[in-house]
Amino acid sequence: MKNTDSIKKKNREILNYYKPLAAFLAGVLGPACEVVLHDVTNPENSIIAIENGYHSGRKVGDPLTDLARQIINSKEYLDKDFLSGYKGQNKEKSFISSTFFIKNGGTLVGLLCINRNTEAVENAENALQLLLSQFNLQRPQTSEVAETLDAGPAVADILPSLIQKTVAEFGVDSRRMSKEEKIEVVRRLRGQKIFDLKGAVRETAAQLRISEPTVYRYLKM
């Protein structure tokens, strides 16, 4: 118990070192940049500091994003110190995002995320595209979204689609699925760490049209 308490204390101390850094980075990078500090040991209320949070509408006490949970589950942090330059968005804005992995030894304890609002850049690019089109010099545009940056419990929004995608792999409506197929769906979801997410058992039961106790029974198989 004492060892566990000392680890938790050390984790808090490490994360507290980064709180002034979050404010510093926001001041240096400017108001178009959102800086977020996450405590990954508390995924449902992970944000412990946020600067310029009006970009995503998030606040202290909000949860991890879908991508952050994916990073943790995939253990991508074990051989990397950070991810940079990936794209993210919420309902209204686009971002170029980067995440630094905060560790206590080899254990991930936090994430320091920088999300740069690209709205001004996109407006300038749109103006340039319009100008180019007038001279038949248009170039193709591509876009790929890797992370959703919305306020509130983002997991509740993405969970149904994650489960639905796995169910759809069988090419059979869940009402016509055999027991063995439903067991296999549960196994695949377990392999994807879906059941680490809050509400996963309830949502799986609803989509497979079985009871929650049945999902738990399948998980033991």
C-alpha atoms as a PDB file:
ATOM      1  CA  MET A   1       0.000   0.000   0.000  1.00  0.00           C
ATOM      2  CA  LYS A   2       2.809   2.388   0.940  1.00  0.00           C
ATOM      3  CA  ASN A   3       4.583   1.652  -2.325  1.00  0.00           C
ATOM      4  CA  THR A   4       1.361   2.327  -4.286  1.00  0.00           C
ATOM      5  CA  ASP A   5       0.824   5.585  -2.434  1.00  0.00           C
ATOM      6  CA  SER A   6       4.398   6.679  -3.099  1.00  0.00           C
ATOM      7  CA  ILE A   7       3.993   5.942  -6.817  1.00  0.00           C
ATOM      8  CA  LYS A   8       0.786   7.981  -6.942  1.00  0.00           C
ATOM      9  CA  LYS A   9       2.507  10.819  -5.092  1.00  0.00           C
ATOM     10  CA  LYS A  10       5.437  10.733  -7.500  1.00  0.00           C
ATOM     11  CA  ASN A  11       3.041  10.736 -10.478  1.00  0.00           C
ATOM     12  CA  ARG A  12       1.294  13.826  -9.106  1.00  0.00           C
ATOM     13  CA  GLU A  13       4.630  15.562  -8.563  1.00  0.00           C
ATOM     14  CA  ILE A  14       5.693  14.836 -12.145  1.00  0.00           C
ATOM     15  CA  LEU A  15       2.428  16.153 -13.579  1.00  0.00           C
ATOM     16  CA  ASN A  16       2.559  19.256 -11.385  1.00  0.00           C
ATOM     17  CA  TYR A  17       5.912  20.123 -12.979  1.00  0.00           C
ATOM     18  CA  TYR A  18       4.136  20.392 -16.325  1.00  0.00           C
ATOM     19  CA  LYS A  19       1.336  22.743 -15.260  1.00  0.00           C
ATOM     20  CA  PRO A  20       3.486  25.904 -15.511  1.00  0.00           C
ATOM     21  CA  LEU A  21       4.896  24.573 -18.790  1.00  0.00           C
ATOM     22  CA  ALA A  22       1.385  24.326 -20.248  1.00  0.00           C
ATOM     23  CA  ALA A  23       0.782  27.998 -19.453  1.00  0.00           C
ATOM     24  CA  PHE A  24       4.229  28.932 -20.774  1.00  0.00           C
ATOM     25  CA  LEU A  25       3.693  27.129 -24.090  1.00  0.00           C
ATOM     26  CA  ALA A  26       0.303  28.766 -24.574  1.00  0.00           C
ATOM     27  CA  GLY A  27       1.875  32.171 -23.957  1.00  0.00           C
ATOM     28  CA  VAL A  28       4.696  31.527 -26.424  1.00  0.00           C
ATOM     29  CA  LEU A  29       2.621  29.845 -29.141  1.00  0.00           C
ATOM     30  CA  GLY A  30      -0.215  32.363 -28.973  1.00  0.00           C
ATOM     31  CA  PRO A  31      -4.004  32.380 -28.693  1.00  0.00           C
ATOM     32  CA  ALA A  32      -4.500  30.099 -31.730  1.00  0.00           C
ATOM     33  CA  CYS A  33      -2.945  27.207 -29.782  1.00  0.00           C
ATOM     34  CA  GLU A  34      -4.709  25.094 -27.188  1.00  0.00           C
ATOM     35  CA  VAL A  35      -2.452  23.367 -24.642  1.00  0.00           C
ATOM     36  CA  VAL A  36      -3.855  20.472 -22.596  1.00  0.00           C
ATOM     37  CA  LEU A  37      -2.335  18.474 -19.728  1.00  0.00           C
ATOM     38  CA  HIS A  38      -3.870  15.029 -19.088  1.00  0.00           C
ATOM     39  CA  ASP A  39      -3.566  12.675 -16.124  1.00  0.00           C
ATOM     40  CA  VAL A  40      -4.042   9.307 -17.856  1.00  0.00           C
ATOM     41  CA  THR A  41      -4.573   7.473 -14.568  1.00  0.00           C
ATOM     42  CA  ASN A  42      -7.995   9.156 -14.393  1.00  0.00           C
ATOM     43  CA  PRO A  43      -9.287   8.813 -17.994  1.00  0.00           C
ATOM     44  CA  GLU A  44     -12.867   9.967 -17.334  1.00  0.00           C
ATOM     45  CA  ASN A  45     -11.637  13.234 -15.756  1.00  0.00           C
ATOM     46  CA  SER A  46      -8.160  13.392 -17.212  1.00  0.00           C
ATOM     47  CA  ILE A  47      -7.701  17.104 -17.974  1.00  0.00           C
ATOM     48  CA  ILE A  48      -5.863  18.738 -15.064  1.00  0.00           C
ATOM     49  CA  ALA A  49      -4.773  21.913 -16.882  1.00  0.00           C
ATOM     50  CA  ILE A  50      -5.857  23.569 -20.104  1.00  0.00           C
ATOM     51  CA  GLU A  51      -4.961  26.859 -21.783  1.00  0.00           C
ATOM     52  CA  ASN A  52      -7.065  28.453 -24.543  1.00  0.00           C
ATOM     53  CA  GLY A  53      -9.642  25.725 -24.074  1.00  0.00           C
ATOM     54  CA  TYR A  54     -12.240  27.753 -25.952  1.00  0.00           C
ATOM     55  CA  HIS A  55     -10.929  26.188 -29.169  1.00  0.00           C
ATOM     56  CA  SER A  56     -12.331  22.745 -28.326  1.00  0.00           C
ATOM     57  CA  GLY A  57     -14.775  23.815 -25.628  1.00  0.00           C
ATOM     58  CA  ARG A  58     -13.074  21.547 -23.085  1.00  0.00           C
ATOM     59  CA  LYS A  59     -12.250  22.299 -19.467  1.00  0.00           C
ATOM     60  CA  VAL A  60     -10.498  20.857 -16.426  1.00  0.00           C
ATOM     61  CA  GLY A  61     -12.177  17.583 -15.478  1.00  0.00           C
ATOM     62  CA  ASP A  62     -13.099  16.538 -19.038  1.00  0.00           C
ATOM     63  CA  PRO A  63     -12.067  13.068 -20.307  1.00  0.00           C
ATOM     64  CA  LEU A  64      -9.429  11.689 -22.634  1.00  0.00           C
ATOM     65  CA  THR A  65     -10.102  11.821 -26.379  1.00  0.00           C
ATOM     66  CA  ASP A  66     -10.558   8.758 -28.569  1.00  0.00           C
ATOM     67  CA  LEU A  67      -7.011   8.998 -29.937  1.00  0.00           C
ATOM     68  CA  ALA A  68      -5.477   9.359 -26.472  1.00  0.00           C
ATOM     69  CA  ARG A  69      -7.212   6.154 -25.363  1.00  0.00           C
ATOM     70  CA  GLN A  70      -6.006   4.409 -28.510  1.00  0.00           C
ATOM     71  CA  ILE A  71      -2.420   5.502 -27.810  1.00  0.00           C
ATOM     72  CA  ILE A  72      -2.619   4.145 -24.271  1.00  0.00           C
ATOM     73  CA  ASN A  73      -4.148   0.828 -25.341  1.00  0.00           C
ATOM     74  CA  SER A  74      -1.622   0.339 -28.164  1.00  0.00           C
ATOM     75  CA  LYS A  75       1.288   1.203 -25.831  1.00  0.00           C
ATOM     76  CA  GLU A  76       2.712   3.397 -28.590  1.00  0.00           C
ATOM     77  CA  TYR A  77       4.416   5.458 -25.905  1.00  0.00           C
ATOM     78  CA  LEU A  78       6.802   2.620 -25.024  1.00  0.00           C
ATOM     79  CA  ASP A  79       9.137   3.304 -27.952  1.00  0.00           C
ATOM     80  CA  LYS A  80       8.282   6.960 -28.618  1.00  0.00           C
ATOM     81  CA  ASP A  81       8.557  10.168 -26.620  1.00  0.00           C
ATOM     82  CA  PHE A  82       5.957  12.066 -28.627  1.00  0.00           C
ATOM     83  CA  LEU A  83       3.677  12.198 -31.668  1.00  0.00           C
ATOM     84  CA  SER A  84       3.644  15.344 -33.776  1.00  0.00           C
ATOM     85  CA  GLY A  85       1.924  16.873 -36.761  1.00  0.00           C
ATOM     86  CA  TYR A  86      -1.234  14.747 -36.858  1.00  0.00           C
ATOM     87  CA  LYS A  87      -4.603  16.229 -37.729  1.00  0.00           C
ATOM     88  CA  GLY A  88      -7.565  16.609 -35.403  1.00  0.00           C
ATOM     89  CA  GLN A  89     -10.881  18.370 -35.400  1.00  0.00           C
ATOM     90  CA  ASN A  90     -14.023  19.086 -33.443  1.00  0.00           C
ATOM     91  CA  LYS A  91     -17.437  19.962 -34.845  1.00  0.00           C
ATOM     92  CA  GLU A  92     -16.335  23.389 -36.092  1.00  0.00           C
ATOM     93  CA  LYS A  93     -12.543  23.634 -36.240  1.00  0.00           C
ATOM     94  CA  SER A  94      -9.492  21.834 -37.579  1.00  0.00           C
ATOM     95  CA  PHE A  95      -6.206  21.441 -35.713  1.00  0.00           C
ATOM     96  CA  ILE A  96      -2.625  20.342 -36.203  1.00  0.00           C
ATOM     97  CA  SER A  97      -1.864  18.432 -33.030  1.00  0.00           C
ATOM     98  CA  SER A  98       1.147  17.079 -31.153  1.00  0.00           C
ATOM     99  CA  THR A  99       1.353  14.996 -27.973  1.00  0.00           C
ATOM    100  CA  PHE A 100       4.277  14.542 -25.564  1.00  0.00           C
ATOM    101  CA  PHE A 101       4.276  11.383 -23.421  1.00  0.00           C
ATOM    102  CA  ILE A 102       4.909  12.050 -19.723  1.00  0.00           C
ATOM    103  CA  LYS A 103       6.342   9.002 -17.975  1.00  0.00           C
ATOM    104  CA  ASN A 104       7.345   7.825 -14.535  1.00  0.00           C
ATOM    105  CA  GLY A 105      10.098   5.414 -15.490  1.00  0.00           C
ATOM    106  CA  GLY A 106       8.481   3.309 -18.206  1.00  0.00           C
ATOM    107  CA  THR A 107       4.930   3.978 -17.061  1.00  0.00           C
ATOM    108  CA  LEU A 108       2.784   6.539 -18.871  1.00  0.00           C
ATOM    109  CA  VAL A 109       1.262   8.978 -16.388  1.00  0.00           C
ATOM    110  CA  GLY A 110       0.293  11.970 -18.498  1.00  0.00           C
ATOM    111  CA  LEU A 111      -0.001  13.614 -21.903  1.00  0.00           C
ATOM    112  CA  LEU A 112       0.918  17.172 -22.838  1.00  0.00           C
ATOM    113  CA  CYS A 113      -1.018  18.070 -25.984  1.00  0.00           C
ATOM    114  CA  ILE A 114      -0.735  21.083 -28.264  1.00  0.00           C
ATOM    115  CA  ASN A 115      -3.572  21.716 -30.717  1.00  0.00           C
ATOM    116  CA  ARG A 116      -2.988  24.516 -33.219  1.00  0.00           C
ATOM    117  CA  ASN A 117      -6.162  25.958 -34.712  1.00  0.00           C
ATOM    118  CA  THR A 118      -5.623  26.088 -38.477  1.00  0.00           C
ATOM    119  CA  GLU A 119      -8.727  28.156 -39.287  1.00  0.00           C
ATOM    120  CA  ALA A 120      -6.746  31.267 -40.304  1.00  0.00           C
ATOM    121  CA  VAL A 121      -4.406  29.169 -42.436  1.00  0.00           C
ATOM    122  CA  GLU A 122      -7.334  27.409 -44.102  1.00  0.00           C
ATOM    123  CA  ASN A 123      -9.004  30.742 -44.846  1.00  0.00           C
ATOM    124  CA  ALA A 124      -5.799  31.941 -46.491  1.00  0.00           C
ATOM    125  CA  GLU A 125      -5.477  28.679 -48.407  1.00  0.00           C
ATOM    126  CA  ASN A 126      -9.093  28.919 -49.598  1.00  0.00           C
ATOM    127  CA  ALA A 127      -8.406  32.424 -50.840  1.00  0.00           C
ATOM    128  CA  LEU A 128      -5.312  31.135 -52.636  1.00  0.00           C
ATOM    129  CA  GLN A 129      -7.301  28.262 -54.168  1.00  0.00           C
ATOM    130  CA  LEU A 130      -9.858  30.730 -55.453  1.00  0.00           C
ATOM    131  CA  LEU A 131      -7.108  32.824 -57.002  1.00  0.00           C
ATOM    132  CA  LEU A 132      -5.480  29.748 -58.574  1.00  0.00           C
ATOM    133  CA  SER A 133      -8.799  28.599 -60.008  1.00  0.00           C
ATOM    134  CA  GLN A 134      -9.136  31.862 -61.890  1.00  0.00           C
ATOM    135  CA  PHE A 135      -5.987  30.929 -63.812  1.00  0.00           C
ATOM    136  CA  ASN A 136      -6.734  27.163 -64.092  1.00  0.00           C
ATOM    137  CA  LEU A 137      -3.911  26.371 -61.684  1.00  0.00           C
ATOM    138  CA  GLN A 138      -5.903  24.452 -59.058  1.00  0.00           C
ATOM    139  CA  ARG A 139      -4.211  21.727 -57.081  1.00  0.00           C
ATOM    140  CA  PRO A 140      -5.905  18.821 -55.275  1.00  0.00           C
ATOM    141  CA  GLN A 141      -6.552  19.016 -51.537  1.00  0.00           C
ATOM    142  CA  THR A 142      -6.509  16.099 -49.137  1.00  0.00           C
ATOM    143  CA  SER A 143      -7.736  15.821 -45.589  1.00  0.00           C
ATOM    144  CA  GLU A 144      -7.425  13.088 -42.979  1.00  0.00           C
ATOM    145  CA  VAL A 145      -8.866  13.302 -39.462  1.00  0.00           C
ATOM    146  CA  ALA A 146      -7.101  11.373 -36.720  1.00  0.00           C
ATOM    147  CA  GLU A 147      -8.593  12.742 -33.512  1.00  0.00           C
ATOM    148  CA  THR A 148     -11.829  14.245 -32.276  1.00  0.00           C
ATOM    149  CA  LEU A 149     -11.448  17.230 -29.928  1.00  0.00           C
ATOM    150  CA  ASP A 150     -14.901  17.811 -28.500  1.00  0.00           C
ATOM    151  CA  ALA A 151     -15.946  18.817 -25.011  1.00  0.00           C
ATOM    152  CA  GLY A 152     -17.712  16.304 -22.794  1.00  0.00           C
ATOM    153  CA  PRO A 153     -17.556  12.507 -22.824  1.00  0.00           C
ATOM    154  CA  ALA A 154     -16.279  11.894 -26.368  1.00  0.00           C
ATOM    155  CA  VAL A 155     -16.209   8.149 -25.694  1.00  0.00           C
ATOM    156  CA  ALA A 156     -19.998   8.070 -25.471  1.00  0.00           C
ATOM    157  CA  ASP A 157     -20.118   9.473 -28.997  1.00  0.00           C
ATOM    158  CA  ILE A 158     -17.622   7.110 -30.621  1.00  0.00           C
ATOM    159  CA  LEU A 159     -18.376   3.893 -28.714  1.00  0.00           C
ATOM    160  CA  PRO A 160     -21.466   2.862 -30.760  1.00  0.00           C
ATOM    161  CA  SER A 161     -19.609   3.297 -34.046  1.00  0.00           C
ATOM    162  CA  LEU A 162     -16.600   1.311 -32.802  1.00  0.00           C
ATOM    163  CA  ILE A 163     -18.832  -1.617 -31.856  1.00  0.00           C
ATOM    164  CA  GLN A 164     -20.972  -1.279 -34.978  1.00  0.00           C
ATOM    165  CA  LYS A 165     -17.858  -1.496 -37.152  1.00  0.00           C
ATOM    166  CA  THR A 166     -16.879  -4.845 -35.613  1.00  0.00           C
ATOM    167  CA  VAL A 167     -20.417  -6.227 -35.915  1.00  0.00           C
ATOM    168  CA  ALA A 168     -20.524  -5.139 -39.574  1.00  0.00           C
ATOM    169  CA  GLU A 169     -17.400  -7.206 -40.328  1.00  0.00           C
ATOM    170  CA  PHE A 170     -19.596 -10.319 -40.188  1.00  0.00           C
ATOM    171  CA  GLY A 171     -21.901  -9.061 -42.943  1.00  0.00           C
ATOM    172  CA  VAL A 172     -24.946 -10.297 -41.049  1.00  0.00           C
ATOM    173  CA  ASP A 173     -27.633  -8.361 -39.223  1.00  0.00           C
ATOM    174  CA  SER A 174     -27.253  -8.991 -35.493  1.00  0.00           C
ATOM    175  CA  ARG A 175     -30.815 -10.352 -35.393  1.00  0.00           C
ATOM    176  CA  ARG A 176     -29.707 -13.216 -37.628  1.00  0.00           C
ATOM    177  CA  MET A 177     -26.344 -13.859 -35.991  1.00  0.00           C
ATOM    178  CA  SER A 178     -25.651 -17.220 -34.427  1.00  0.00           C
ATOM    179  CA  LYS A 179     -24.531 -17.535 -30.844  1.00  0.00           C
ATOM    180  CA  GLU A 180     -21.014 -18.414 -32.039  1.00  0.00           C
ATOM    181  CA  GLU A 181     -20.858 -15.264 -34.172  1.00  0.00           C
ATOM    182  CA  LYS A 182     -21.920 -13.100 -31.250  1.00  0.00           C
ATOM    183  CA  ILE A 183     -19.288 -14.723 -29.053  1.00  0.00           C
ATOM    184  CA  GLU A 184     -16.699 -13.928 -31.724  1.00  0.00           C
ATOM    185  CA  VAL A 185     -17.847 -10.282 -31.844  1.00  0.00           C
ATOM    186  CA  VAL A 186     -17.306 -10.026 -28.086  1.00  0.00           C
ATOM    187  CA  ARG A 187     -13.880 -11.626 -28.415  1.00  0.00           C
ATOM    188  CA  ARG A 188     -12.827  -9.149 -31.093  1.00  0.00           C
ATOM    189  CA  LEU A 189     -14.078  -6.204 -29.046  1.00  0.00           C
ATOM    190  CA  ARG A 190     -12.170  -7.520 -26.049  1.00  0.00           C
ATOM    191  CA  GLY A 191      -9.026  -7.733 -28.205  1.00  0.00           C
ATOM    192  CA  GLN A 192      -9.526  -4.081 -29.172  1.00  0.00           C
ATOM    193  CA  LYS A 193      -9.766  -3.103 -25.469  1.00  0.00           C
ATOM    194  CA  ILE A 194     -13.282  -1.796 -26.098  1.00  0.00           C
ATOM    195  CA  PHE A 195     -14.468  -3.130 -22.754  1.00  0.00           C
ATOM    196  CA  ASP A 196     -12.006  -0.830 -20.997  1.00  0.00           C
ATOM    197  CA  LEU A 197     -14.374   1.988 -21.982  1.00  0.00           C
ATOM    198  CA  LYS A 198     -17.316   2.997 -19.839  1.00  0.00           C
ATOM    199  CA  GLY A 199     -20.668   1.771 -21.175  1.00  0.00           C
ATOM    200  CA  ALA A 200     -19.153  -0.787 -23.570  1.00  0.00           C
ATOM    201  CA  VAL A 201     -20.991  -3.791 -22.122  1.00  0.00           C
ATOM    202  CA  ARG A 202     -24.355  -2.009 -22.272  1.00  0.00           C
ATOM    203  CA  GLU A 203     -23.796  -0.826 -25.847  1.00  0.00           C
ATOM    204  CA  THR A 204     -22.581  -4.255 -26.996  1.00  0.00           C
ATOM    205  CA  ALA A 205     -25.614  -5.942 -25.467  1.00  0.00           C
ATOM    206  CA  ALA A 206     -27.925  -3.493 -27.232  1.00  0.00           C
ATOM    207  CA  GLN A 207     -26.295  -3.928 -30.636  1.00  0.00           C
ATOM    208  CA  LEU A 208     -26.128  -7.730 -30.405  1.00  0.00           C
ATOM    209  CA  ARG A 209     -29.655  -7.885 -28.926  1.00  0.00           C
ATOM    210  CA  ILE A 210     -28.556  -9.901 -25.923  1.00  0.00           C
ATOM    211  CA  SER A 211     -28.539  -9.182 -22.197  1.00  0.00           C
ATOM    212  CA  GLU A 212     -25.644  -7.591 -20.341  1.00  0.00           C
ATOM    213  CA  PRO A 213     -25.131 -10.766 -18.225  1.00  0.00           C
ATOM    214  CA  THR A 214     -24.781 -12.662 -21.508  1.00  0.00           C
ATOM    215  CA  VAL A 215     -22.029 -10.290 -22.642  1.00  0.00           C
ATOM    216  CA  TYR A 216     -20.193 -10.873 -19.362  1.00  0.00           C
ATOM    217  CA  ARG A 217     -20.591 -14.638 -19.846  1.00  0.00           C
ATOM    218  CA  TYR A 218     -19.165 -14.420 -23.365  1.00  0.00           C
ATOM    219  CA  LEU A 219     -16.221 -12.405 -22.037  1.00  0.00           C
ATOM    220  CA  LYS A 220     -15.252 -15.356 -19.847  1.00  0.00           C
ATOM    221  CA  MET A 221     -15.205 -17.797 -22.781  1.00  0.00           C
END
